[in-house]
Protein backbone atom coordinates (compact mmCIF):
# COMPACT_ATOMS: atom_id res chain seq x y z
CA MET A 1 -0.04 0.01 -0.03
CA SER A 2 2.99 2.35 0.52
CA ASP A 3 4.01 2.06 -3.18
CA ARG A 4 2.89 4.78 -5.47
CA VAL A 5 0.55 3.87 -8.35
CA ASP A 6 1.44 5.05 -11.87
CA LEU A 7 -1.45 7.44 -12.24
CA LEU A 8 -4.30 8.93 -10.23
CA ILE A 9 -7.17 10.65 -12.24
CA ARG A 10 -9.48 12.99 -10.44
CA GLY A 11 -12.91 13.88 -11.81
CA THR A 12 -16.42 12.62 -12.01
CA LEU A 13 -16.56 8.88 -12.65
CA VAL A 14 -19.02 7.65 -15.21
CA ASN A 15 -19.86 4.42 -13.39
CA VAL A 16 -21.55 2.30 -15.94
CA ASN A 17 -21.90 -0.57 -13.41
CA THR A 18 -24.27 1.50 -11.26
CA GLY A 19 -25.54 4.01 -13.84
CA ASN A 20 -24.36 6.87 -11.55
CA LEU A 21 -21.98 9.81 -11.84
CA GLU A 22 -19.68 9.64 -8.84
CA ASP A 23 -17.11 12.14 -7.68
CA ARG A 24 -14.20 9.76 -6.95
CA PRO A 25 -10.67 9.22 -8.15
CA VAL A 26 -9.40 6.40 -10.28
CA ALA A 27 -6.05 4.79 -9.43
CA VAL A 28 -4.17 3.08 -12.28
CA ASN A 29 -1.11 0.89 -12.07
CA ASP A 30 0.66 -1.45 -14.54
CA GLY A 31 -2.10 -0.85 -17.10
CA GLU A 32 -4.93 -1.82 -14.70
CA VAL A 33 -7.49 -0.02 -12.60
CA VAL A 34 -6.47 -0.87 -9.08
CA ALA A 35 -8.84 1.25 -6.97
CA LEU A 36 -11.64 3.88 -7.08
CA GLU A 37 -10.16 5.75 -4.26
CA GLU A 38 -7.19 7.93 -3.29
CA ARG A 39 -3.79 6.39 -3.69
CA PRO A 40 -0.32 7.96 -3.66
CA ALA A 41 0.65 8.42 -7.28
CA LYS A 42 3.67 9.20 -9.45
CA ARG A 43 1.42 11.31 -11.64
CA GLU A 44 -2.04 12.94 -11.28
CA LEU A 45 -4.40 14.14 -13.86
CA LYS A 46 -7.56 16.18 -13.32
CA THR A 47 -10.53 16.07 -15.74
CA GLY A 48 -14.18 16.73 -15.87
CA TYR A 49 -15.36 13.21 -16.43
CA ILE A 50 -13.75 9.77 -16.37
CA ALA A 51 -15.45 7.29 -18.71
CA PRO A 52 -14.76 3.93 -19.99
CA GLY A 53 -13.37 3.58 -23.53
CA LEU A 54 -16.06 3.11 -26.12
CA ILE A 55 -16.69 -0.26 -27.94
CA ASP A 56 -18.22 -0.54 -31.37
CA ALA A 57 -20.51 -3.53 -31.19
CA HIS A 58 -20.30 -4.43 -34.81
CA VAL A 59 -18.13 -3.03 -37.53
CA HIS A 60 -16.47 -4.06 -40.75
CA VAL A 61 -13.26 -2.12 -40.65
CA GLU A 62 -12.73 -2.85 -44.34
CA SER A 63 -15.59 -0.38 -45.11
CA SER A 64 -13.25 2.47 -44.05
CA MET A 65 -11.02 1.50 -46.91
CA VAL A 66 -7.88 1.43 -44.75
CA THR A 67 -6.11 -1.22 -42.72
CA LEU A 68 -6.86 -1.81 -39.05
CA PRO A 69 -3.89 0.27 -37.69
CA ARG A 70 -4.80 3.18 -39.94
CA TYR A 71 -8.41 2.96 -38.72
CA ALA A 72 -7.28 2.86 -35.18
CA ALA A 73 -5.21 6.01 -35.55
CA THR A 74 -8.35 7.93 -36.29
CA VAL A 75 -10.87 6.41 -33.83
CA VAL A 76 -8.63 5.97 -30.64
CA PRO A 77 -8.18 9.71 -30.07
CA ARG A 78 -11.93 10.02 -30.17
CA GLY A 79 -12.34 7.70 -27.21
CA VAL A 80 -12.97 4.41 -29.11
CA THR A 81 -10.69 1.86 -27.41
CA SER A 82 -12.24 -1.36 -28.81
CA VAL A 83 -14.17 -2.76 -31.84
CA ILE A 84 -16.01 -5.96 -32.50
CA HIS A 85 -14.58 -6.35 -36.01
CA ASP A 86 -16.40 -8.77 -38.36
CA PRO A 87 -13.75 -9.32 -41.13
CA HIS A 88 -16.51 -10.63 -43.43
CA GLU A 89 -15.25 -8.69 -46.44
CA ILE A 90 -11.60 -9.97 -46.12
CA ALA A 91 -12.95 -13.50 -45.64
CA ASN A 92 -14.96 -13.37 -48.86
CA VAL A 93 -11.81 -12.37 -50.71
CA LEU A 94 -9.08 -14.36 -48.98
CA GLY A 95 -10.80 -16.83 -46.63
CA THR A 96 -9.12 -18.08 -43.39
CA GLN A 97 -5.79 -16.79 -44.55
CA GLY A 98 -7.16 -13.27 -44.79
CA VAL A 99 -8.85 -13.45 -41.41
CA ARG A 100 -5.65 -14.57 -39.74
CA ALA A 101 -3.67 -11.81 -41.48
CA VAL A 102 -5.96 -9.05 -40.16
CA ILE A 103 -5.86 -10.53 -36.69
CA ASN A 104 -2.10 -10.30 -36.89
CA ASP A 105 -2.45 -6.62 -37.84
CA THR A 106 -3.61 -5.98 -34.28
CA ALA A 107 0.09 -6.25 -33.20
CA HIS A 108 0.57 -2.86 -34.73
CA THR A 109 -2.19 -0.89 -32.98
CA PRO A 110 -3.21 -0.22 -29.37
CA LEU A 111 -6.94 -0.50 -30.43
CA LYS A 112 -8.44 -3.58 -28.78
CA ALA A 113 -9.94 -5.21 -31.87
CA ARG A 114 -11.84 -8.35 -31.07
CA PHE A 115 -13.13 -10.57 -33.90
CA THR A 116 -16.05 -12.46 -35.02
CA VAL A 117 -15.54 -15.36 -37.39
CA PRO A 118 -17.40 -14.85 -40.63
CA SER A 119 -20.18 -17.39 -40.92
CA SER A 120 -21.42 -16.78 -44.38
CA VAL A 121 -18.56 -17.16 -46.77
CA PRO A 122 -19.83 -17.10 -49.48
CA ALA A 123 -22.97 -15.17 -48.55
CA SER A 124 -24.95 -17.36 -50.88
CA HIS A 125 -24.61 -19.80 -53.79
CA LEU A 126 -25.83 -17.05 -56.13
CA GLN A 127 -22.48 -15.27 -56.47
CA ASP A 128 -18.83 -16.41 -56.79
CA GLY A 129 -16.37 -14.90 -54.36
CA GLY A 130 -12.69 -15.37 -53.66
CA ALA A 131 -13.04 -17.99 -50.90
CA THR A 132 -15.26 -20.50 -49.13
CA MET A 133 -15.21 -21.07 -45.37
CA ASP A 134 -16.94 -24.29 -44.50
CA ALA A 135 -17.93 -25.45 -41.02
CA ASP A 136 -14.57 -26.99 -40.33
CA ALA A 137 -12.65 -23.81 -41.33
CA VAL A 138 -15.00 -21.71 -39.17
CA ALA A 139 -14.59 -24.12 -36.21
CA ASP A 140 -10.82 -23.89 -36.49
CA LEU A 141 -10.90 -20.03 -36.51
CA LEU A 142 -13.22 -19.88 -33.56
CA GLY A 143 -10.26 -20.95 -31.46
CA ALA A 144 -7.99 -18.18 -32.73
CA ASP A 145 -6.65 -15.51 -30.46
CA LYS A 146 -8.89 -12.45 -29.97
CA VAL A 147 -12.03 -14.18 -31.41
CA VAL A 148 -15.17 -13.58 -29.36
CA ALA A 149 -18.10 -14.70 -31.51
CA LEU A 150 -19.43 -16.32 -34.64
CA GLY A 151 -19.94 -13.53 -37.16
CA GLU A 152 -23.37 -12.40 -38.25
CA VAL A 153 -25.30 -15.34 -39.50
CA MET A 154 -26.75 -14.13 -42.77
CA ASN A 155 -28.12 -17.30 -44.05
CA ILE A 156 -31.51 -16.96 -42.24
CA PRO A 157 -33.29 -19.33 -44.72
CA GLY A 158 -30.61 -21.97 -43.84
CA VAL A 159 -31.20 -21.41 -40.08
CA LEU A 160 -34.94 -21.83 -40.61
CA ALA A 161 -34.61 -24.88 -42.85
CA GLY A 162 -32.14 -26.62 -40.50
CA ASP A 163 -29.29 -26.45 -42.89
CA GLU A 164 -26.54 -28.75 -41.52
CA GLU A 165 -23.66 -26.58 -42.53
CA VAL A 166 -25.12 -23.45 -40.95
CA HIS A 167 -26.04 -25.23 -37.74
CA SER A 168 -22.71 -26.88 -37.48
CA LYS A 169 -21.02 -23.39 -37.31
CA ILE A 170 -23.58 -22.28 -34.61
CA ILE A 171 -22.85 -25.41 -32.55
CA ALA A 172 -19.16 -24.91 -32.79
CA ALA A 173 -19.56 -21.45 -31.37
CA ARG A 174 -21.83 -22.64 -28.66
CA GLU A 175 -19.39 -25.40 -27.62
CA ARG A 176 -16.78 -22.76 -27.09
CA GLY A 177 -19.05 -20.61 -25.07
CA LEU A 178 -19.02 -17.79 -27.68
CA THR A 179 -21.70 -15.35 -28.81
CA VAL A 180 -23.55 -15.93 -32.10
CA ASP A 181 -24.19 -12.66 -33.98
CA GLY A 182 -27.31 -12.29 -36.03
CA HIS A 183 -28.23 -10.69 -39.35
CA ALA A 184 -32.00 -10.90 -39.66
CA PRO A 185 -33.35 -7.97 -41.74
CA GLN A 186 -37.23 -7.81 -41.77
CA VAL A 187 -37.40 -11.22 -39.97
CA THR A 188 -40.42 -11.00 -37.67
CA GLY A 189 -43.28 -13.15 -36.39
CA HIS A 190 -42.93 -17.04 -36.44
CA ASP A 191 -39.68 -16.86 -38.36
CA LEU A 192 -38.18 -14.62 -35.67
CA GLN A 193 -39.20 -16.91 -32.90
CA GLU A 194 -37.29 -19.73 -34.57
CA VAL A 195 -34.07 -17.89 -35.38
CA ALA A 196 -34.00 -16.37 -31.82
CA ARG A 197 -33.32 -19.90 -30.67
CA TYR A 198 -29.91 -19.73 -32.24
CA LEU A 199 -28.90 -16.06 -32.35
CA ASP A 200 -27.94 -13.73 -29.60
CA ASN A 201 -28.17 -10.22 -31.23
CA ASP A 202 -29.20 -8.39 -34.37
CA HIS A 203 -28.15 -5.10 -35.90
CA GLU A 204 -30.44 -5.02 -39.02
CA SER A 205 -33.65 -3.40 -37.69
CA ILE A 206 -34.72 -0.43 -39.63
CA ALA A 207 -38.12 0.08 -38.04
CA ILE A 208 -38.95 0.24 -34.30
CA GLU A 209 -41.56 -2.49 -34.42
CA GLU A 210 -39.03 -4.87 -35.78
CA ALA A 211 -36.61 -3.96 -33.03
CA ARG A 212 -39.41 -4.41 -30.39
CA GLN A 213 -40.09 -7.93 -31.54
CA LYS A 214 -36.43 -8.86 -31.53
CA ALA A 215 -35.96 -7.46 -28.10
CA ALA A 216 -39.09 -9.27 -26.86
CA ALA A 217 -37.66 -12.52 -28.40
CA GLY A 218 -34.53 -12.20 -26.20
CA LEU A 219 -32.09 -10.79 -28.72
CA ARG A 220 -29.82 -7.98 -27.85
CA VAL A 221 -30.65 -5.17 -30.24
CA TYR A 222 -27.82 -3.21 -31.82
CA LEU A 223 -28.83 0.28 -32.88
CA ARG A 224 -26.93 1.10 -36.09
CA GLU A 225 -25.78 4.41 -37.45
CA GLY A 226 -23.41 3.77 -40.39
CA SER A 227 -22.51 5.76 -43.49
CA VAL A 228 -25.14 3.97 -45.62
CA SER A 229 -27.60 2.59 -43.04
CA LYS A 230 -28.63 5.36 -40.72
CA ASN A 231 -31.16 3.71 -38.40
CA LEU A 232 -30.61 5.35 -35.08
CA GLU A 233 -33.22 8.04 -35.31
CA ASP A 234 -35.95 5.64 -36.35
CA LEU A 235 -35.07 3.14 -33.59
CA ILE A 236 -34.22 5.47 -30.69
CA GLY A 237 -37.63 5.32 -29.15
CA ILE A 238 -36.93 1.78 -28.01
CA VAL A 239 -34.80 3.10 -25.09
CA ASP A 240 -38.05 4.11 -23.43
CA GLU A 241 -39.61 0.75 -24.01
CA VAL A 242 -37.06 -1.87 -22.93
CA ASP A 243 -34.19 -2.25 -20.52
CA THR A 244 -31.38 -0.28 -22.21
CA ARG A 245 -28.84 -2.71 -20.85
CA ARG A 246 -30.14 -5.00 -23.67
CA LEU A 247 -29.15 -2.39 -26.23
CA SER A 248 -25.83 -1.58 -27.92
CA LEU A 249 -24.57 1.02 -30.38
CA CYS A 250 -22.76 0.10 -33.60
CA THR A 251 -21.68 1.57 -36.92
CA ASP A 252 -21.50 -1.56 -39.18
CA ASP A 253 -20.09 0.33 -42.14
CA ARG A 254 -18.32 3.69 -41.77
CA ASP A 255 -16.72 5.27 -44.74
CA VAL A 256 -13.47 7.19 -44.82
CA THR A 257 -15.05 10.65 -45.03
CA ASP A 258 -17.45 10.04 -42.13
CA LEU A 259 -14.64 8.66 -40.00
CA VAL A 260 -12.26 11.62 -40.51
CA GLU A 261 -15.01 14.31 -40.21
CA HIS A 262 -17.33 12.77 -37.60
CA GLY A 263 -15.65 9.60 -36.03
CA GLY A 264 -16.84 6.11 -35.41
CA VAL A 265 -19.15 4.81 -32.53
CA ASP A 266 -18.29 8.07 -30.59
CA PHE A 267 -20.41 9.79 -33.23
CA VAL A 268 -23.25 7.37 -32.53
CA VAL A 269 -23.05 8.06 -28.80
CA LYS A 270 -23.18 11.77 -29.38
CA LYS A 271 -26.14 11.50 -31.77
CA ALA A 272 -28.03 9.32 -29.33
CA ILE A 273 -27.59 12.01 -26.64
CA GLN A 274 -28.74 14.67 -29.14
CA LEU A 275 -31.83 12.57 -29.71
CA GLY A 276 -32.62 12.65 -26.00
CA VAL A 277 -30.99 9.57 -24.61
CA ASP A 278 -29.65 9.98 -21.12
CA PRO A 279 -25.81 10.35 -21.46
CA MET A 280 -25.23 7.56 -19.00
CA GLU A 281 -27.45 5.16 -20.88
CA ALA A 282 -25.83 6.18 -24.24
CA ILE A 283 -22.43 5.45 -22.80
CA GLN A 284 -23.55 2.19 -21.37
CA MET A 285 -24.77 1.16 -24.83
CA ALA A 286 -21.29 1.69 -26.16
CA THR A 287 -19.31 0.22 -23.25
CA ILE A 288 -20.63 -2.25 -20.57
CA ASN A 289 -23.57 -3.55 -22.59
CA THR A 290 -21.42 -4.65 -25.47
CA ALA A 291 -18.63 -5.92 -23.15
CA GLU A 292 -21.21 -8.17 -21.46
CA SER A 293 -22.51 -9.32 -24.88
CA TYR A 294 -19.11 -10.71 -25.72
CA ASP A 295 -17.81 -11.41 -22.16
CA LEU A 296 -15.06 -8.80 -22.50
CA PRO A 297 -12.89 -7.93 -19.46
CA PHE A 298 -13.13 -4.20 -20.17
CA GLY A 299 -15.89 -1.73 -21.03
CA ARG A 300 -16.20 -0.46 -17.39
CA ILE A 301 -13.97 1.21 -14.83
CA GLU A 302 -13.59 -1.01 -11.79
CA PRO A 303 -10.73 -2.64 -9.77
CA GLY A 304 -9.15 -5.33 -11.93
CA ALA A 305 -10.31 -3.98 -15.25
CA SER A 306 -7.78 -2.90 -17.82
CA ALA A 307 -7.30 0.87 -17.79
CA ASP A 308 -9.14 1.71 -21.00
CA ILE A 309 -10.25 5.18 -19.94
CA VAL A 310 -11.39 8.42 -21.65
CA LEU A 311 -10.95 11.75 -20.01
CA LEU A 312 -13.70 14.22 -20.95
CA ASP A 313 -14.12 17.90 -20.62
CA ASP A 314 -17.84 17.67 -21.39
CA LEU A 315 -19.91 14.46 -21.07
CA GLU A 316 -22.89 15.28 -23.34
CA LEU A 317 -20.59 16.48 -26.16
CA TRP A 318 -18.12 13.63 -25.53
CA ASP A 319 -15.32 16.19 -25.68
CA VAL A 320 -12.18 14.09 -25.31
CA GLU A 321 -9.13 15.47 -23.54
CA HIS A 322 -7.01 12.23 -23.22
CA VAL A 323 -7.45 8.55 -23.88
CA LEU A 324 -5.76 5.62 -22.05
CA ILE A 325 -5.50 2.03 -23.29
CA ASP A 326 -3.97 -0.36 -20.82
CA GLY A 327 -2.84 2.66 -18.90
CA VAL A 328 -0.83 4.11 -21.74
CA LEU A 329 -1.76 7.86 -22.17
CA ASP A 330 -2.74 8.90 -25.67
CA PRO A 331 -1.17 5.80 -27.26
CA THR A 332 -1.55 6.82 -30.94
CA GLU A 333 0.18 10.19 -30.52
CA GLY A 334 3.62 10.21 -32.01
CA ALA A 335 3.35 6.47 -32.80
CA ASP A 336 5.58 4.98 -35.48
CA GLU A 337 4.21 4.27 -38.90
CA PRO A 338 2.72 0.77 -38.95
CA PRO A 339 4.30 -1.82 -41.30
CA ALA A 340 2.41 -2.92 -44.38
CA SER A 341 -0.57 -5.13 -43.71
CA GLU A 342 -0.12 -8.86 -43.95
CA VAL A 343 -3.32 -9.08 -46.02
CA ALA A 344 -2.61 -10.07 -49.67
CA THR A 345 -2.59 -7.51 -52.53
CA ASP A 346 -2.95 -9.76 -55.59
CA THR A 347 -6.65 -10.44 -55.62
CA VAL A 348 -7.92 -8.72 -58.84
CA GLN A 349 -7.14 -11.17 -61.58
CA PHE A 350 -9.84 -11.08 -64.28
CA ASP A 351 -8.83 -10.84 -67.94
CA PRO A 352 -9.19 -7.49 -69.63
CA VAL A 353 -12.76 -6.93 -70.87
CA THR A 354 -14.21 -5.22 -73.89
CA ALA A 355 -17.39 -3.33 -74.45
CA ALA A 356 -18.82 -6.41 -76.04
CA ASP A 357 -18.11 -8.43 -72.96
CA LEU A 358 -20.19 -6.23 -70.83
CA ALA A 359 -23.09 -5.62 -73.19
CA THR A 360 -26.49 -7.22 -72.87
CA GLU A 361 -27.00 -8.78 -76.40
CA HIS A 362 -30.45 -8.71 -77.96
CA ASP A 363 -31.77 -9.49 -81.41
CA GLY A 364 -34.40 -7.19 -82.78
CA SER A 365 -35.04 -3.47 -82.76
CA GLY A 366 -36.97 -0.65 -81.03
CA SER A 367 -37.13 -1.19 -77.26
CA VAL A 368 -37.67 -3.95 -74.78
CA GLU A 369 -38.94 -4.18 -71.20
CA VAL A 370 -36.26 -5.16 -68.70
CA ARG A 371 -36.06 -5.89 -64.95
CA VAL A 372 -34.09 -3.11 -63.18
CA VAL A 373 -32.30 -2.84 -59.82
CA ASP A 374 -33.91 0.22 -58.29
CA ALA A 375 -31.23 1.68 -55.96
CA GLU A 376 -33.40 3.10 -53.25
CA GLY A 377 -30.53 3.79 -50.90
CA GLY A 378 -29.69 2.69 -47.30
CA LEU A 379 -28.82 -0.88 -48.43
CA GLN A 380 -32.32 -1.17 -49.97
CA THR A 381 -33.24 -1.96 -53.51
CA ALA A 382 -36.58 -2.46 -55.14
CA ARG A 383 -37.97 -4.36 -58.16
CA MET A 384 -38.54 -2.20 -61.18
CA ALA A 385 -39.28 -2.63 -64.85
CA ALA A 386 -38.46 -0.14 -67.60
CA ARG A 387 -38.17 -0.08 -71.39
CA VAL A 388 -34.60 0.36 -72.80
CA PRO A 389 -33.59 0.89 -76.51
CA VAL A 390 -32.02 -1.76 -78.68
CA GLU A 391 -28.89 -0.42 -80.42
CA THR A 392 -28.40 -1.98 -83.85
CA VAL A 393 -26.27 0.70 -85.42
CA ASN A 394 -22.53 0.26 -84.47
CA PRO A 395 -23.16 -1.94 -81.53
CA PRO A 396 -20.07 -3.38 -79.73
CA THR A 397 -17.82 -5.47 -81.95
CA GLY A 398 -19.28 -8.83 -82.99
CA LEU A 399 -22.76 -8.21 -81.64
CA ASP A 400 -25.94 -7.70 -83.79
CA GLY A 401 -27.72 -5.64 -81.24
CA VAL A 402 -27.43 -4.55 -77.63
CA LEU A 403 -29.68 -3.12 -74.91
CA THR A 404 -28.49 0.38 -74.01
CA ALA A 405 -29.18 3.08 -71.48
CA ASN A 406 -32.63 4.76 -71.21
CA MET A 407 -31.25 8.20 -70.30
CA ASP A 408 -34.76 9.79 -69.91
CA ALA A 409 -35.70 7.21 -67.34
CA ASP A 410 -32.23 7.16 -65.57
CA VAL A 411 -31.81 3.49 -66.39
CA LEU A 412 -28.19 2.55 -67.02
CA PRO A 413 -26.30 -0.71 -67.93
CA MET A 414 -24.53 -2.37 -64.97
CA ALA A 415 -22.14 -5.38 -64.91
CA VAL A 416 -20.49 -7.54 -62.31
CA ILE A 417 -17.24 -9.26 -63.29
CA GLU A 418 -15.83 -12.24 -61.45
CA ARG A 419 -12.57 -10.87 -60.30
CA TYR A 420 -10.60 -13.84 -58.81
CA GLY A 421 -9.34 -15.38 -62.07
CA ARG A 422 -11.65 -18.35 -62.18
CA ASP A 423 -14.28 -18.61 -64.88
CA GLY A 424 -14.41 -14.84 -65.64
CA SER A 425 -18.25 -14.88 -65.60
CA ILE A 426 -20.12 -11.62 -66.06
CA GLY A 427 -23.50 -10.69 -64.87
CA ARG A 428 -25.26 -8.10 -67.00
CA GLY A 429 -28.25 -5.94 -65.97
CA PHE A 430 -29.61 -2.42 -65.43
CA VAL A 431 -29.80 0.08 -62.51
CA HIS A 432 -32.01 3.06 -61.77
CA ARG A 433 -31.28 6.26 -59.74
CA LEU A 434 -27.51 6.72 -60.32
CA GLY A 435 -28.11 9.73 -62.50
CA LEU A 436 -24.97 9.51 -64.68
CA GLU A 437 -25.07 11.64 -67.71
CA ARG A 438 -21.88 10.30 -69.37
CA GLY A 439 -18.97 7.99 -68.65
CA ALA A 440 -18.92 5.21 -65.98
CA ILE A 441 -18.07 4.38 -62.40
CA GLY A 442 -16.80 1.18 -60.89
CA SER A 443 -15.55 -0.55 -57.80
CA THR A 444 -13.99 -3.78 -56.47
CA VAL A 445 -15.72 -3.09 -53.18
CA ALA A 446 -18.97 -4.91 -53.91
CA HIS A 447 -20.56 -6.59 -50.95
CA ASP A 448 -20.30 -9.45 -50.18
CA ALA A 449 -18.28 -11.35 -52.79
CA HIS A 450 -16.42 -8.14 -53.82
CA ASN A 451 -16.35 -8.76 -57.48
CA CYS A 452 -15.73 -5.93 -59.85
CA ILE A 453 -18.93 -3.89 -60.39
CA VAL A 454 -19.26 -1.14 -63.09
CA ALA A 455 -22.15 0.97 -64.32
CA GLY A 456 -22.29 3.68 -66.97
CA VAL A 457 -23.84 5.33 -69.88
CA SER A 458 -21.84 3.29 -72.43
CA TYR A 459 -20.32 -0.10 -72.49
CA ASP A 460 -17.04 1.26 -73.73
CA ALA A 461 -16.68 3.57 -70.68
CA MET A 462 -17.67 0.62 -68.43
CA ALA A 463 -14.89 -1.51 -69.95
CA GLN A 464 -12.28 1.31 -69.49
CA VAL A 465 -13.26 1.56 -65.78
CA ALA A 466 -13.10 -2.22 -65.28
CA ASN A 467 -9.72 -2.59 -66.97
CA HIS A 468 -8.27 0.32 -64.98
CA LEU A 469 -9.41 -1.30 -61.70
CA ARG A 470 -7.65 -4.47 -62.77
CA GLU A 471 -4.38 -2.50 -63.43
CA ILE A 472 -4.37 -0.82 -60.03
CA GLU A 473 -5.26 -4.10 -58.12
CA GLY A 474 -8.55 -2.92 -57.06
CA GLY A 475 -10.26 0.24 -55.92
CA ILE A 476 -12.86 2.73 -57.06
CA ALA A 477 -12.86 4.76 -60.27
CA ALA A 478 -14.82 7.20 -62.40
CA TYR A 479 -14.18 7.86 -66.11
CA ASP A 480 -15.19 10.98 -68.02
CA PRO A 481 -15.08 10.41 -71.77
CA VAL A 482 -15.27 14.12 -72.57
CA SER A 483 -11.97 14.91 -70.88
CA ASP A 484 -10.79 11.24 -71.26
CA GLU A 485 -9.73 11.43 -67.56
CA MET A 486 -9.78 8.46 -65.19
CA THR A 487 -9.91 9.37 -61.52
CA SER A 488 -9.30 6.47 -59.11
CA LEU A 489 -8.35 5.38 -55.59
CA SER A 490 -6.21 2.22 -55.42
CA LEU A 491 -7.27 -0.19 -52.76
CA SER A 492 -4.69 -2.90 -53.42
CA VAL A 493 -5.03 -4.58 -50.01
CA ALA A 494 -7.49 -7.33 -50.96
CA GLY A 495 -9.02 -4.94 -53.48
CA LEU A 496 -10.74 -3.30 -50.49
CA MET A 497 -8.24 -1.26 -48.49
CA SER A 498 -5.25 0.97 -48.66
CA ASP A 499 -2.13 0.97 -46.41
CA GLU A 500 -2.03 4.78 -46.58
CA PRO A 501 -3.11 7.14 -43.83
CA LEU A 502 -6.87 7.72 -43.55
CA THR A 503 -6.54 11.43 -44.35
CA THR A 504 -4.67 10.59 -47.54
CA VAL A 505 -7.28 8.00 -48.57
CA LYS A 506 -10.00 10.47 -47.80
CA GLU A 507 -8.53 13.06 -50.16
CA LYS A 508 -8.25 10.50 -52.87
CA PHE A 509 -11.75 9.11 -52.32
CA GLU A 510 -13.21 12.60 -52.40
CA ALA A 511 -11.45 13.26 -55.73
CA VAL A 512 -13.17 10.18 -57.17
CA GLU A 513 -16.48 11.25 -55.67
CA ASP A 514 -16.07 14.68 -57.22
CA ALA A 515 -15.14 13.17 -60.57
CA ALA A 516 -18.25 10.93 -60.39
CA ARG A 517 -20.48 13.90 -59.41
CA GLY A 518 -18.94 15.74 -62.44
CA ILE A 519 -20.30 13.09 -64.83
CA GLY A 520 -23.69 13.31 -63.19
CA LEU A 521 -23.68 10.88 -60.20
CA SER A 522 -26.58 12.20 -58.19
CA HIS A 523 -27.45 9.22 -55.86
CA GLU A 524 -27.31 10.42 -52.21
CA GLY A 525 -25.26 7.39 -51.35
CA GLY A 526 -22.58 8.44 -53.74
CA LEU A 527 -20.07 5.95 -55.01
CA MET A 528 -20.69 3.68 -51.94
CA GLU A 529 -24.16 2.98 -53.16
CA LEU A 530 -22.59 1.06 -56.05
CA SER A 531 -20.83 -1.29 -53.56
CA PHE A 532 -24.14 -2.63 -52.26
CA LEU A 533 -25.98 -3.38 -55.61
CA ALA A 534 -24.46 -6.83 -55.72
CA LEU A 535 -25.46 -7.79 -52.16
CA GLU A 536 -27.64 -10.68 -52.95
CA VAL A 537 -28.81 -11.39 -49.35
CA ILE A 538 -30.84 -8.16 -48.93
CA PRO A 539 -34.05 -7.64 -50.97
CA GLU A 540 -35.15 -7.03 -53.58
CA TYR A 541 -33.16 -7.20 -56.86
CA ARG A 542 -29.31 -7.52 -57.01
CA LEU A 543 -26.92 -8.29 -59.69
CA THR A 544 -24.17 -10.91 -59.32
CA ASN A 545 -21.52 -12.22 -61.66
CA ASN A 546 -23.93 -15.00 -62.47
CA GLY A 547 -26.89 -12.77 -63.33
CA LEU A 548 -29.82 -10.82 -61.88
CA VAL A 549 -31.18 -12.16 -58.56
CA ASP A 550 -34.62 -11.81 -57.05
CA VAL A 551 -33.59 -12.07 -53.35
CA GLU A 552 -37.00 -13.02 -52.04
CA ALA A 553 -37.18 -15.90 -54.47
CA PHE A 554 -33.48 -16.53 -53.81
CA ASP A 555 -32.98 -17.28 -57.46
CA TYR A 556 -31.92 -15.77 -60.79
CA VAL A 557 -34.42 -14.06 -63.08
CA ASP A 558 -34.10 -13.02 -66.60
CA VAL A 559 -33.21 -9.39 -67.28
CA VAL A 560 -35.49 -9.12 -70.29
CA VAL A 561 -39.16 -9.27 -69.38
CA SER A 562 -40.66 -8.90 -72.87
CA ASN A 563 -40.10 -7.40 -76.31
């Protein structure tokens, strides 16, 4: 007792265990909270509030388009000390090798990333990705260091049908005492009662009634506020209806611009408070609630817990003065540049394509009715039909006629190219609401299989974008045929991420966004909207490398409806 502790922090303790604000000091020694009382100390700090470090309950770090250490360098100074990272995107590209590589990247960051093992690789049989993770591969990874759960179970039809492969993965997690994350969009009623037998939480509610039913069925409900899916405002009323200790906050997908300008789950905490949630409850939803969901030994300030602490000037504004992780003060300040990620960079291997390769061929003349992916935004798409013209004068080389853009109706050609060097298959279809007036846009970030997706006014422009993305080993690009300029951001790490600093990636991303806006892109989701148009597990229409999918039927449908 006579020895001095490393640090004594004076201020108002945000005690998430009791839900009270308490004027008491926190003593830290050897990276651990040792007492909530006065102790002789080598150093003292005084602050307004002493809060636990925040935990993002569910995030795909890949969506930031930077590697884990680069992501951490931005969120840690904002008071985010841990994330529950589902490397689902990496897994779809590189399988178990990629998941282990990203776990190894934690050695180069103080952020306490904990991992869920992707359960749905591939997401379905309707698209070809870069890897497959069967039940044995998942079971093996569940024993890896820093793994805390089975990743979001997206194959809800498989859960309901008793699919042996799906249930084997769930059983493997249960045998290890791990959490099973859910992914159950629009699942209610009888189906919800069944899937709730196997899942522990869900982050996919977009309406409060859906969230109510999930909470009543025993699921922990994660309130999501991402860059694409912004559900917090619609769901926030549930805090007045259920025990908030059953709720958590998460981002799911947070793009590079939002991260730099607004932050990660810290932004969600601040927004919840602005929407009227008691600050203590909001902080509990991003600390102890999530820690208890995954049996984590942090997320609260108590004797024996690791000293993951945020010093705040203002609680309601989440105004951060200092951050400690394992007792280290402001651990990202002045840190050395992280080494290159261990994640592979040679994942974009399709052969060069031509305009003819991407075109939807059609015999005849005039116009035809086609099924169209209506990009409604916020991950949602709708079924749509529209007429598009048949081009018989100078169609792409070797073709008699092709279906082309209906500019008046804002219906544009779209293609998804298998990018892993296998069969080179190409899905062809049409998309509504992008607003392009000329040129094309494209990306190798195309959830979940992450094939190469391109859309544009002409097939020639689409081919130029696709081939450029192949040359830069993946990324996003916009092509303007008037200036003959290609603007791009290289994401060579798995075709999804960059090893450059987040601010550098933000500048390059915004340059591509500006170029895309310059050729007419008007969708509120910007370029990121394109990345979800191949996500064949969320209704209603999606385009995969194998063709157009009706998600509710969970099968392919013809693009052409009638002549």
